[in-house]
Amino acid sequence: MRNDTRILLSGVLTLLFTMLCMSGGTGAAAASRGPAKTTLSESQRTAASSAVARQQVVTSTVVLGPGSITEITEQCPPTMRATSGGESNNSVGGITLVGTFPNAIGSEWLVMVRNDSAISAQIQAYAVCFAGLSNYNLVSYETSVNPGEGKFAQSFCPSGQQVLGGGGVSSSWTVNVEESAAEYSSWAFTIYNYGPTAVTSTVEAVCGSGIVNYQRVNNPEKILEPGQSGMQSLDCPAGTVVVGGGGFGPRITDSFPVTNQTWRINVKNDDTQYQGGFAVQMYCGA
């Protein structure tokens, strides 16, 4: 059911093109300003090359039948460790993200999804993998979530280490992920439990060191009306790539790297009365 794994390389071109435009632009627009400066500075070239060389996005695709659940595993290259991951799909509002998390040693990223629709859907899973990390480790925090309750939890890295990314998982498929996102000094994970019994929610912070030009970025929160679907995407600053991507919303249907430098979330507001906010929150670096 699973296709061959492939490396997502389009972000490399996107990143270099973005930086080229910053140094002078291309095409007709550049011509109107005079001769285009097509040479990147030494620091820009070094930052872009370092970021691209250290990060790879690994992805594969499966087909999920109506009313079905699945867990998809993405394997990082042997010299790399997983810092984040996610999934996208071709069903508007019909797929729900249930879990997104690394394995115990960071060699894999796992994604759990549920097809709530009446038709089959194509699911694409992703792992963001990084080389050259030191002190790689996972820090977990568990909490109980009662029936009909939504609960926020967060996990912090040891002092002196960077929060590289993170995710979370619960003990049941009867949950909706409402947040898996980069906070200022932690990774946050929020689920809503619509099942009949209490479940355990586990948030995982991916910790370590070795990322340069490390920074947290987010876009402004958008408001989603009842019953509506929405999307937000966000680019890392020039010279950096996604290290840990994520976001929050009423119900996350997609959360994934569009390119090496860009993260996107799709959400659905299932409430019939109240608005909901959503945004991308991620860590970038090189």
Protein backbone atom coordinates (compact mmCIF):
# COMPACT_ATOMS: atom_id res chain seq x y z
CA MET A 1 0.00 0.00 0.00
CA ARG A 2 2.98 2.26 0.59
CA ASN A 3 4.90 3.83 -2.30
CA ASP A 4 8.68 4.17 -2.47
CA THR A 5 10.03 6.87 -0.17
CA ARG A 6 11.34 9.94 -1.88
CA ILE A 7 13.17 13.08 -0.81
CA LEU A 8 11.36 16.40 -1.10
CA LEU A 9 13.82 18.67 -2.95
CA SER A 10 11.60 21.45 -4.25
CA GLY A 11 12.25 23.48 -1.12
CA VAL A 12 15.95 23.67 -1.99
CA LEU A 13 15.15 25.58 -5.15
CA THR A 14 12.55 27.68 -3.32
CA LEU A 15 15.04 28.67 -0.63
CA LEU A 16 17.81 29.61 -3.08
CA PHE A 17 15.36 31.46 -5.34
CA THR A 18 14.03 33.46 -2.36
CA MET A 19 17.53 34.51 -1.41
CA LEU A 20 18.38 35.35 -5.02
CA CYS A 21 15.38 37.67 -5.17
CA MET A 22 16.47 39.36 -1.95
CA SER A 23 19.86 40.09 -3.48
CA GLY A 24 18.49 41.80 -6.57
CA GLY A 25 15.52 39.96 -8.14
CA THR A 26 15.02 38.45 -11.58
CA GLY A 27 13.10 39.09 -14.79
CA ALA A 28 11.20 42.19 -15.84
CA ALA A 29 10.74 43.57 -12.34
CA ALA A 30 14.50 43.56 -11.79
CA ALA A 31 15.12 45.15 -15.17
CA SER A 32 12.95 48.11 -14.24
CA ARG A 33 15.30 48.84 -11.32
CA GLY A 34 18.44 48.53 -13.42
CA PRO A 35 20.92 45.65 -13.72
CA ALA A 36 20.03 42.75 -11.43
CA LYS A 37 22.50 41.72 -8.77
CA THR A 38 22.61 37.96 -9.25
CA THR A 39 25.44 37.21 -6.81
CA LEU A 40 24.58 36.10 -3.27
CA SER A 41 26.72 37.34 -0.42
CA GLU A 42 29.15 34.88 1.09
CA SER A 43 27.12 34.68 4.32
CA GLN A 44 23.89 34.04 2.38
CA ARG A 45 25.49 31.27 0.33
CA THR A 46 26.97 29.68 3.44
CA ALA A 47 23.68 29.79 5.36
CA ALA A 48 21.63 28.40 2.47
CA SER A 49 24.11 25.62 1.71
CA SER A 50 24.37 24.63 5.36
CA ALA A 51 20.60 24.52 5.87
CA VAL A 52 19.92 22.55 2.69
CA ALA A 53 22.73 20.07 3.33
CA ARG A 54 21.63 19.32 6.89
CA GLN A 55 17.88 18.87 6.33
CA GLN A 56 15.84 16.43 4.27
CA VAL A 57 12.10 15.93 4.12
CA VAL A 58 11.16 12.29 3.60
CA THR A 59 7.65 11.48 2.38
CA SER A 60 5.43 8.65 1.12
CA THR A 61 1.77 8.18 0.18
CA VAL A 62 -0.96 5.70 1.12
CA VAL A 63 -4.66 5.39 0.31
CA LEU A 64 -7.03 5.26 3.29
CA GLY A 65 -10.54 3.86 2.92
CA PRO A 66 -13.69 5.49 4.29
CA GLY A 67 -14.14 5.13 8.04
CA SER A 68 -10.62 3.69 8.38
CA ILE A 69 -7.60 4.49 10.53
CA THR A 70 -3.92 4.10 9.80
CA GLU A 71 -0.44 4.70 11.19
CA ILE A 72 2.29 5.66 8.72
CA THR A 73 6.02 5.54 9.49
CA GLU A 74 8.66 7.62 7.73
CA GLN A 75 12.31 6.54 8.04
CA CYS A 76 15.08 9.16 8.23
CA PRO A 77 18.43 8.53 6.51
CA PRO A 78 20.90 6.69 8.80
CA THR A 79 22.95 9.76 9.74
CA MET A 80 19.90 11.93 10.50
CA ARG A 81 17.35 12.30 13.29
CA ALA A 82 13.67 13.27 13.04
CA THR A 83 12.80 16.71 14.40
CA SER A 84 9.18 16.95 13.20
CA GLY A 85 6.67 15.52 10.76
CA GLY A 86 3.06 15.50 9.67
CA GLU A 87 0.61 14.68 6.91
CA SER A 88 -1.42 16.14 4.06
CA ASN A 89 -4.40 14.70 2.21
CA ASN A 90 -6.81 15.32 -0.67
CA SER A 91 -10.00 15.33 1.43
CA VAL A 92 -11.25 18.77 2.48
CA GLY A 93 -12.21 18.36 6.14
CA GLY A 94 -12.64 14.59 5.87
CA ILE A 95 -9.35 13.48 7.46
CA THR A 96 -8.39 14.03 11.09
CA LEU A 97 -4.86 14.05 12.49
CA VAL A 98 -4.82 11.80 15.56
CA GLY A 99 -1.10 11.61 16.37
CA THR A 100 2.26 12.85 15.10
CA PHE A 101 5.44 11.85 16.96
CA PRO A 102 8.97 10.38 16.71
CA ASN A 103 10.01 6.89 17.71
CA ALA A 104 12.15 6.47 20.82
CA ILE A 105 15.52 6.99 19.11
CA GLY A 106 14.44 9.58 16.56
CA SER A 107 15.16 7.46 13.50
CA GLU A 108 11.49 7.53 12.41
CA TRP A 109 8.45 9.79 12.46
CA LEU A 110 4.97 8.29 12.89
CA VAL A 111 1.66 9.80 11.83
CA MET A 112 -1.80 8.56 12.85
CA VAL A 113 -4.85 9.65 10.85
CA ARG A 114 -8.55 8.81 10.71
CA ASN A 115 -10.77 9.02 7.64
CA ASP A 116 -14.11 10.43 8.83
CA SER A 117 -15.49 10.74 5.30
CA ALA A 118 -17.50 8.33 3.14
CA ILE A 119 -14.86 8.08 0.39
CA SER A 120 -11.24 6.97 0.15
CA ALA A 121 -8.52 9.59 0.55
CA GLN A 122 -4.85 9.87 -0.36
CA ILE A 123 -2.63 10.50 2.67
CA GLN A 124 0.92 11.80 2.33
CA ALA A 125 3.12 11.47 5.43
CA TYR A 126 6.31 13.45 6.11
CA ALA A 127 9.37 13.38 8.34
CA VAL A 128 11.71 16.35 8.72
CA CYS A 129 15.19 14.90 9.26
CA PHE A 130 18.36 16.71 10.38
CA ALA A 131 22.05 15.82 10.39
CA GLY A 132 24.77 17.06 12.74
CA LEU A 133 22.64 17.29 15.89
CA SER A 134 24.12 16.72 19.33
CA ASN A 135 22.46 15.72 22.62
CA TYR A 136 19.37 14.46 20.74
CA ASN A 137 16.71 13.28 23.21
CA LEU A 138 12.96 13.22 23.77
CA VAL A 139 11.13 14.66 26.77
CA SER A 140 7.57 13.44 27.37
CA TYR A 141 4.71 14.62 29.53
CA GLU A 142 1.49 12.67 30.07
CA THR A 143 -1.93 13.88 31.15
CA SER A 144 -5.43 12.40 31.36
CA VAL A 145 -8.21 13.83 29.19
CA ASN A 146 -11.81 13.18 30.22
CA PRO A 147 -14.69 12.51 27.80
CA GLY A 148 -15.89 15.72 26.16
CA GLU A 149 -12.77 17.60 27.25
CA GLY A 150 -10.10 19.43 25.30
CA LYS A 151 -6.75 19.63 27.07
CA PHE A 152 -3.52 21.55 26.47
CA ALA A 153 -0.17 20.06 27.52
CA GLN A 154 3.44 21.03 26.93
CA SER A 155 6.88 19.54 27.36
CA PHE A 156 10.13 21.40 28.06
CA CYS A 157 13.71 20.56 27.09
CA PRO A 158 16.60 20.43 29.58
CA SER A 159 18.38 23.68 30.32
CA GLY A 160 20.83 24.66 27.60
CA GLN A 161 19.16 22.57 24.88
CA GLN A 162 17.05 23.72 21.95
CA VAL A 163 13.46 22.64 21.41
CA LEU A 164 13.94 21.25 17.90
CA GLY A 165 10.36 20.16 17.33
CA GLY A 166 7.81 17.77 18.74
CA GLY A 167 4.43 16.13 18.53
CA GLY A 168 2.08 13.98 20.52
CA VAL A 169 -0.09 10.88 20.68
CA SER A 170 -3.02 9.62 22.74
CA SER A 171 -4.14 6.20 23.93
CA SER A 172 -7.26 6.23 21.72
CA TRP A 173 -8.31 6.94 18.14
CA THR A 174 -11.39 8.85 19.42
CA VAL A 175 -9.55 12.18 19.63
CA ASN A 176 -8.95 15.19 17.42
CA VAL A 177 -5.60 16.98 17.44
CA GLU A 178 -6.20 20.70 17.92
CA GLU A 179 -2.58 21.73 18.42
CA SER A 180 0.91 20.41 17.81
CA ALA A 181 3.01 23.55 17.76
CA ALA A 182 6.18 25.39 18.72
CA GLU A 183 5.84 27.52 21.84
CA TYR A 184 8.58 29.93 22.93
CA SER A 185 10.40 27.39 25.12
CA SER A 186 8.39 24.17 24.78
CA TRP A 187 6.37 21.98 22.45
CA ALA A 188 2.58 22.10 22.89
CA PHE A 189 0.01 19.41 22.16
CA THR A 190 -3.76 19.74 22.55
CA ILE A 191 -6.41 17.11 21.89
CA TYR A 192 -10.18 16.94 22.18
CA ASN A 193 -11.57 13.64 23.47
CA TYR A 194 -14.99 12.91 21.97
CA GLY A 195 -14.96 9.26 23.13
CA PRO A 196 -16.86 7.70 26.07
CA THR A 197 -13.86 7.14 28.37
CA ALA A 198 -10.82 9.06 29.57
CA VAL A 199 -7.67 8.84 27.44
CA THR A 200 -3.99 9.51 28.07
CA SER A 201 -2.40 12.30 26.05
CA THR A 202 1.39 12.33 25.65
CA VAL A 203 3.27 15.38 24.35
CA GLU A 204 6.82 14.81 23.05
CA ALA A 205 9.43 17.57 22.86
CA VAL A 206 12.36 16.82 20.55
CA CYS A 207 15.43 18.28 22.23
CA GLY A 208 19.07 18.75 21.30
CA SER A 209 21.59 21.29 20.10
CA GLY A 210 23.53 22.22 17.02
CA ILE A 211 21.03 24.40 15.10
CA VAL A 212 22.41 27.80 14.12
CA ASN A 213 20.30 30.89 13.44
CA TYR A 214 17.67 29.16 15.57
CA GLN A 215 14.37 31.06 15.85
CA ARG A 216 10.67 30.63 16.45
CA VAL A 217 8.27 32.11 13.90
CA ASN A 218 4.49 32.30 13.62
CA ASN A 219 1.90 34.04 11.50
CA PRO A 220 -1.05 36.09 12.82
CA GLU A 221 -3.98 34.07 14.09
CA LYS A 222 -6.87 33.85 11.63
CA ILE A 223 -10.50 33.43 12.68
CA LEU A 224 -12.55 30.57 11.26
CA GLU A 225 -16.33 30.74 11.20
CA PRO A 226 -18.50 27.80 12.37
CA GLY A 227 -18.58 24.95 9.89
CA GLN A 228 -15.77 26.39 7.75
CA SER A 229 -12.37 25.05 6.67
CA GLY A 230 -9.22 27.18 6.52
CA MET A 231 -5.53 27.12 5.62
CA GLN A 232 -2.41 29.01 6.68
CA SER A 233 1.20 28.63 5.54
CA LEU A 234 4.42 30.27 6.70
CA ASP A 235 7.97 30.56 5.35
CA CYS A 236 11.14 30.40 7.41
CA PRO A 237 13.41 33.46 7.16
CA ALA A 238 15.94 33.51 4.31
CA GLY A 239 18.93 31.27 4.96
CA THR A 240 16.97 28.92 7.24
CA VAL A 241 14.75 25.86 6.82
CA VAL A 242 12.03 24.17 8.87
CA VAL A 243 13.35 22.40 11.95
CA GLY A 244 10.10 21.81 13.83
CA GLY A 245 6.79 22.64 12.15
CA GLY A 246 3.24 22.72 13.42
CA GLY A 247 0.26 24.84 14.36
CA PHE A 248 -3.08 25.03 16.14
CA GLY A 249 -6.73 25.21 15.17
CA PRO A 250 -10.20 23.86 15.95
CA ARG A 251 -9.45 20.45 14.32
CA ILE A 252 -6.26 19.87 12.37
CA THR A 253 -6.78 17.98 9.12
CA ASP A 254 -3.34 18.62 7.57
CA SER A 255 -0.02 19.78 9.06
CA PHE A 256 3.02 19.38 6.84
CA PRO A 257 6.10 20.89 5.13
CA VAL A 258 5.19 22.22 1.69
CA THR A 259 8.89 22.71 0.97
CA ASN A 260 12.07 22.59 3.04
CA GLN A 261 11.34 26.18 4.08
CA THR A 262 7.52 26.34 4.32
CA TRP A 263 4.97 24.80 6.71
CA ARG A 264 1.21 24.65 6.20
CA ILE A 265 -1.81 23.67 8.28
CA ASN A 266 -5.40 22.98 7.22
CA VAL A 267 -8.14 23.03 9.83
CA LYS A 268 -11.91 22.50 10.11
CA ASN A 269 -14.20 24.22 12.60
CA ASP A 270 -16.84 21.62 13.42
CA ASP A 271 -18.62 23.86 15.93
CA THR A 272 -22.03 25.13 14.90
CA GLN A 273 -21.96 28.29 17.07
CA TYR A 274 -18.47 29.51 17.86
CA GLN A 275 -15.53 30.83 15.87
CA GLY A 276 -12.08 29.29 16.18
CA GLY A 277 -8.57 30.64 15.67
CA PHE A 278 -5.69 28.97 13.82
CA ALA A 279 -2.06 29.69 12.91
CA VAL A 280 1.30 28.12 12.06
CA GLN A 281 3.97 28.08 14.81
CA MET A 282 7.40 26.60 14.03
CA TYR A 283 11.14 26.59 14.67
CA CYS A 284 13.55 27.48 11.87
CA GLY A 285 17.33 27.28 11.63
CA ALA A 286 20.33 26.08 9.67
